[in-house]
Amino acid sequence: MRFPVVLFFASCVAARAVAPLAIDIDLGLQKAFLLQDGKVVYESPICSGRPGHLTPTGDFQVLEKDENHLSSLYGRIVDTNGKTLVRDADADMSVPKGAKFVQAPMKHFLRFDGATGLHSGYLPGYPASHGCVRMPEVKAELFYSIAEVGTPVKVHGTPPARPEPEKPKVAAAPAATPAPTPPPHKWWQILQHTPPRE
């Protein structure tokens, strides 16, 4: 009976040798954290879902990993020369004759809820995605290479409002230019205009 006890003890020690991983996504801070044994090992700025396409909050887990994922819902519409006609297109939009729908690339995709996941993408500095969590490519690759299917993902917080676009500054009206000072009179001109003495 001693063999099963030793085997059980060895498996417990091996399981504790690799601390558990987790991903924490803070929508309020617009940051994602890779945690090991509850401590932050890596962090990254993110771009979460915009109003109308909010990133779901809650406790999830990585359901799928796809290094070269293509969105089945979003992309762009291009003409026959590859020129973009519609930059932010949905798969169900009508496509003009001769044009085509091109799926959006989502490299280093970690799916955690339905069609939502973490992936590399553009970060404008405010929530702007269709619900996914975009990260800089280097960070997305890092999280992708470390996380496994089953890694816990916690999404929490309230995303910040999009900043109001800056209004163009109106240049101040130039200061009124004073009338030029007339040139000084020559001495003989002054004498010519002297009023007669009484």
Protein backbone atom coordinates (compact mmCIF):
# COMPACT_ATOMS: atom_id res chain seq x y z
CA MET A 1 0.00 0.00 0.00
CA ARG A 2 2.95 2.29 0.35
CA PHE A 3 3.36 2.80 -3.44
CA PRO A 4 0.00 4.64 -4.01
CA VAL A 5 0.71 7.00 -1.08
CA VAL A 6 4.16 7.87 -2.49
CA LEU A 7 2.65 8.34 -5.98
CA PHE A 8 -0.08 10.61 -4.57
CA PHE A 9 2.50 12.67 -2.63
CA ALA A 10 4.74 13.01 -5.72
CA SER A 11 1.82 14.17 -7.88
CA CYS A 12 0.87 16.81 -5.25
CA VAL A 13 4.44 18.13 -5.17
CA ALA A 14 4.57 18.24 -9.00
CA ALA A 15 1.24 20.07 -9.17
CA ARG A 16 2.49 22.71 -6.70
CA ALA A 17 5.80 23.11 -8.58
CA VAL A 18 4.00 25.05 -11.35
CA ALA A 19 1.94 27.81 -9.78
CA PRO A 20 -1.51 28.34 -11.30
CA LEU A 21 -1.89 30.91 -14.06
CA ALA A 22 -4.78 33.33 -14.53
CA ILE A 23 -5.63 36.31 -16.72
CA ASP A 24 -7.16 39.39 -15.11
CA ILE A 25 -8.74 42.01 -17.39
CA ASP A 26 -9.52 45.35 -15.75
CA LEU A 27 -11.83 47.30 -18.06
CA GLY A 28 -11.60 50.44 -15.89
CA LEU A 29 -7.81 50.56 -16.15
CA GLN A 30 -7.86 49.23 -19.74
CA LYS A 31 -5.18 46.71 -18.78
CA ALA A 32 -4.75 42.94 -18.82
CA PHE A 33 -2.58 41.12 -16.29
CA LEU A 34 -1.08 37.65 -16.48
CA LEU A 35 -0.97 36.28 -12.95
CA GLN A 36 1.02 33.39 -11.59
CA ASP A 37 0.00 32.22 -8.14
CA GLY A 38 -1.98 35.46 -7.77
CA LYS A 39 0.98 37.74 -8.51
CA VAL A 40 1.31 39.92 -11.63
CA VAL A 41 4.02 38.63 -13.94
CA TYR A 42 3.10 40.58 -17.07
CA GLU A 43 0.73 43.41 -17.87
CA SER A 44 -0.49 45.00 -21.06
CA PRO A 45 -2.59 47.93 -22.17
CA ILE A 46 -5.82 46.84 -23.87
CA CYS A 47 -8.69 48.12 -25.96
CA SER A 48 -12.02 46.66 -24.83
CA GLY A 49 -15.52 46.80 -26.33
CA ARG A 50 -17.11 50.12 -27.19
CA PRO A 51 -20.66 51.15 -26.20
CA GLY A 52 -23.12 48.82 -27.90
CA HIS A 53 -20.45 46.09 -28.10
CA LEU A 54 -19.25 45.91 -24.50
CA THR A 55 -16.78 43.23 -23.40
CA PRO A 56 -18.67 40.76 -21.18
CA THR A 57 -17.70 40.76 -17.50
CA GLY A 58 -17.47 37.72 -15.26
CA ASP A 59 -15.37 34.65 -14.61
CA PHE A 60 -14.42 32.66 -17.71
CA GLN A 61 -11.64 30.40 -18.92
CA VAL A 62 -9.65 30.09 -22.12
CA LEU A 63 -11.80 27.91 -24.38
CA GLU A 64 -9.65 27.89 -27.51
CA LYS A 65 -6.28 29.07 -28.81
CA ASP A 66 -5.91 30.06 -32.47
CA GLU A 67 -2.65 31.67 -33.53
CA ASN A 68 -3.98 32.99 -36.88
CA HIS A 69 -7.68 33.46 -36.18
CA LEU A 70 -9.89 35.37 -38.63
CA SER A 71 -13.11 36.99 -37.49
CA SER A 72 -16.22 35.42 -38.95
CA LEU A 73 -18.23 38.56 -38.04
CA TYR A 74 -16.08 41.64 -38.70
CA GLY A 75 -13.65 42.89 -41.30
CA ARG A 76 -13.61 45.27 -44.24
CA ILE A 77 -14.98 45.47 -47.75
CA VAL A 78 -12.41 45.96 -50.52
CA ASP A 79 -12.66 46.50 -54.27
CA THR A 80 -10.92 44.37 -56.91
CA ASN A 81 -7.69 46.37 -56.44
CA GLY A 82 -7.70 45.78 -52.68
CA LYS A 83 -8.68 49.39 -51.90
CA THR A 84 -10.80 49.57 -48.75
CA LEU A 85 -14.36 50.68 -49.43
CA VAL A 86 -15.77 50.04 -45.93
CA ARG A 87 -13.26 49.96 -43.06
CA ASP A 88 -15.54 48.71 -40.27
CA ALA A 89 -17.73 46.15 -42.04
CA ASP A 90 -19.95 43.38 -40.69
CA ALA A 91 -20.18 40.02 -42.47
CA ASP A 92 -23.91 40.57 -43.08
CA MET A 93 -23.46 43.90 -44.95
CA SER A 94 -24.26 43.95 -48.64
CA VAL A 95 -21.11 43.89 -50.76
CA PRO A 96 -20.99 45.91 -53.99
CA LYS A 97 -20.51 44.01 -57.24
CA GLY A 98 -16.83 43.19 -57.78
CA ALA A 99 -15.93 43.87 -54.14
CA LYS A 100 -15.41 41.34 -51.36
CA PHE A 101 -15.59 41.02 -47.57
CA VAL A 102 -12.17 40.42 -45.97
CA GLN A 103 -12.21 38.92 -42.48
CA ALA A 104 -10.37 40.87 -39.77
CA PRO A 105 -7.18 39.15 -38.60
CA MET A 106 -7.08 38.38 -34.86
CA LYS A 107 -3.62 36.93 -34.30
CA HIS A 108 -2.84 35.11 -31.03
CA PHE A 109 -6.55 34.64 -30.29
CA LEU A 110 -7.53 33.35 -26.83
CA ARG A 111 -11.30 32.74 -26.90
CA PHE A 112 -12.94 33.01 -23.48
CA ASP A 113 -16.67 33.69 -24.05
CA GLY A 114 -18.63 32.88 -27.22
CA ALA A 115 -16.98 34.85 -30.02
CA THR A 116 -15.09 37.08 -27.55
CA GLY A 117 -11.40 36.72 -26.81
CA LEU A 118 -8.03 38.41 -26.40
CA HIS A 119 -6.01 39.04 -29.58
CA SER A 120 -3.53 41.43 -31.14
CA GLY A 121 -4.93 44.61 -32.62
CA TYR A 122 -5.05 48.38 -32.74
CA LEU A 123 -5.29 50.34 -29.47
CA PRO A 124 -6.59 53.88 -29.99
CA GLY A 125 -6.44 54.69 -26.26
CA TYR A 126 -10.12 54.13 -25.44
CA PRO A 127 -12.66 51.25 -25.72
CA ALA A 128 -13.29 50.78 -29.46
CA SER A 129 -13.59 47.04 -30.27
CA HIS A 130 -16.66 44.95 -31.08
CA GLY A 131 -16.30 43.26 -27.67
CA CYS A 132 -12.96 41.51 -27.91
CA VAL A 133 -9.93 42.58 -25.91
CA ARG A 134 -7.22 43.92 -28.20
CA MET A 135 -3.58 44.00 -27.11
CA PRO A 136 -0.31 45.12 -28.73
CA GLU A 137 1.00 42.26 -30.88
CA VAL A 138 4.06 41.56 -28.71
CA LYS A 139 1.92 41.30 -25.55
CA ALA A 140 -0.78 39.24 -27.28
CA GLU A 141 1.90 36.80 -28.44
CA LEU A 142 3.31 36.62 -24.90
CA PHE A 143 -0.09 35.92 -23.27
CA TYR A 144 -0.87 33.42 -26.06
CA SER A 145 2.39 31.51 -25.57
CA ILE A 146 1.92 31.20 -21.80
CA ALA A 147 -1.83 30.67 -21.32
CA GLU A 148 -3.38 27.26 -21.95
CA VAL A 149 -6.91 26.10 -22.64
CA GLY A 150 -8.55 26.14 -19.23
CA THR A 151 -6.61 29.16 -17.89
CA PRO A 152 -9.04 31.23 -15.77
CA VAL A 153 -9.99 34.65 -17.19
CA LYS A 154 -11.60 37.29 -14.96
CA VAL A 155 -13.09 40.38 -16.64
CA HIS A 156 -14.24 43.19 -14.36
CA GLY A 157 -14.71 46.94 -14.05
CA THR A 158 -16.46 49.62 -16.03
CA PRO A 159 -14.76 50.85 -19.17
CA PRO A 160 -13.98 54.56 -19.32
CA ALA A 161 -16.05 56.79 -21.57
CA ARG A 162 -14.47 57.68 -24.87
CA PRO A 163 -12.79 61.04 -24.58
CA GLU A 164 -14.50 63.85 -26.44
CA PRO A 165 -12.61 64.69 -29.61
CA GLU A 166 -10.65 67.87 -29.27
CA LYS A 167 -12.31 70.81 -30.93
CA PRO A 168 -10.04 72.60 -33.34
CA LYS A 169 -8.55 75.60 -31.66
CA VAL A 170 -9.72 78.84 -33.17
CA ALA A 171 -6.82 81.17 -33.69
CA ALA A 172 -7.20 84.39 -31.76
CA ALA A 173 -7.95 87.39 -33.92
CA PRO A 174 -4.77 89.27 -34.59
CA ALA A 175 -4.32 92.38 -32.50
CA ALA A 176 -5.38 95.54 -34.26
CA THR A 177 -2.45 97.05 -36.04
CA PRO A 178 -1.97 100.66 -35.01
CA ALA A 179 -1.86 103.28 -37.71
CA PRO A 180 1.71 104.00 -38.67
CA THR A 181 3.28 107.00 -37.03
CA PRO A 182 3.82 109.70 -39.59
CA PRO A 183 7.44 110.44 -40.28
CA PRO A 184 8.84 113.37 -38.29
CA HIS A 185 8.80 116.75 -40.01
CA LYS A 186 11.99 118.31 -41.15
CA TRP A 187 12.95 121.48 -39.24
CA TRP A 188 12.03 123.78 -42.11
CA GLN A 189 8.59 122.15 -42.39
CA ILE A 190 7.92 122.95 -38.76
CA LEU A 191 8.77 126.63 -39.33
CA GLN A 192 6.51 126.82 -42.35
CA HIS A 193 3.48 125.72 -40.30
CA THR A 194 4.09 127.87 -37.27
CA PRO A 195 1.11 130.10 -36.61
CA PRO A 196 1.80 133.86 -36.76
CA ARG A 197 2.49 135.54 -33.50
CA GLU A 198 0.11 138.19 -32.31
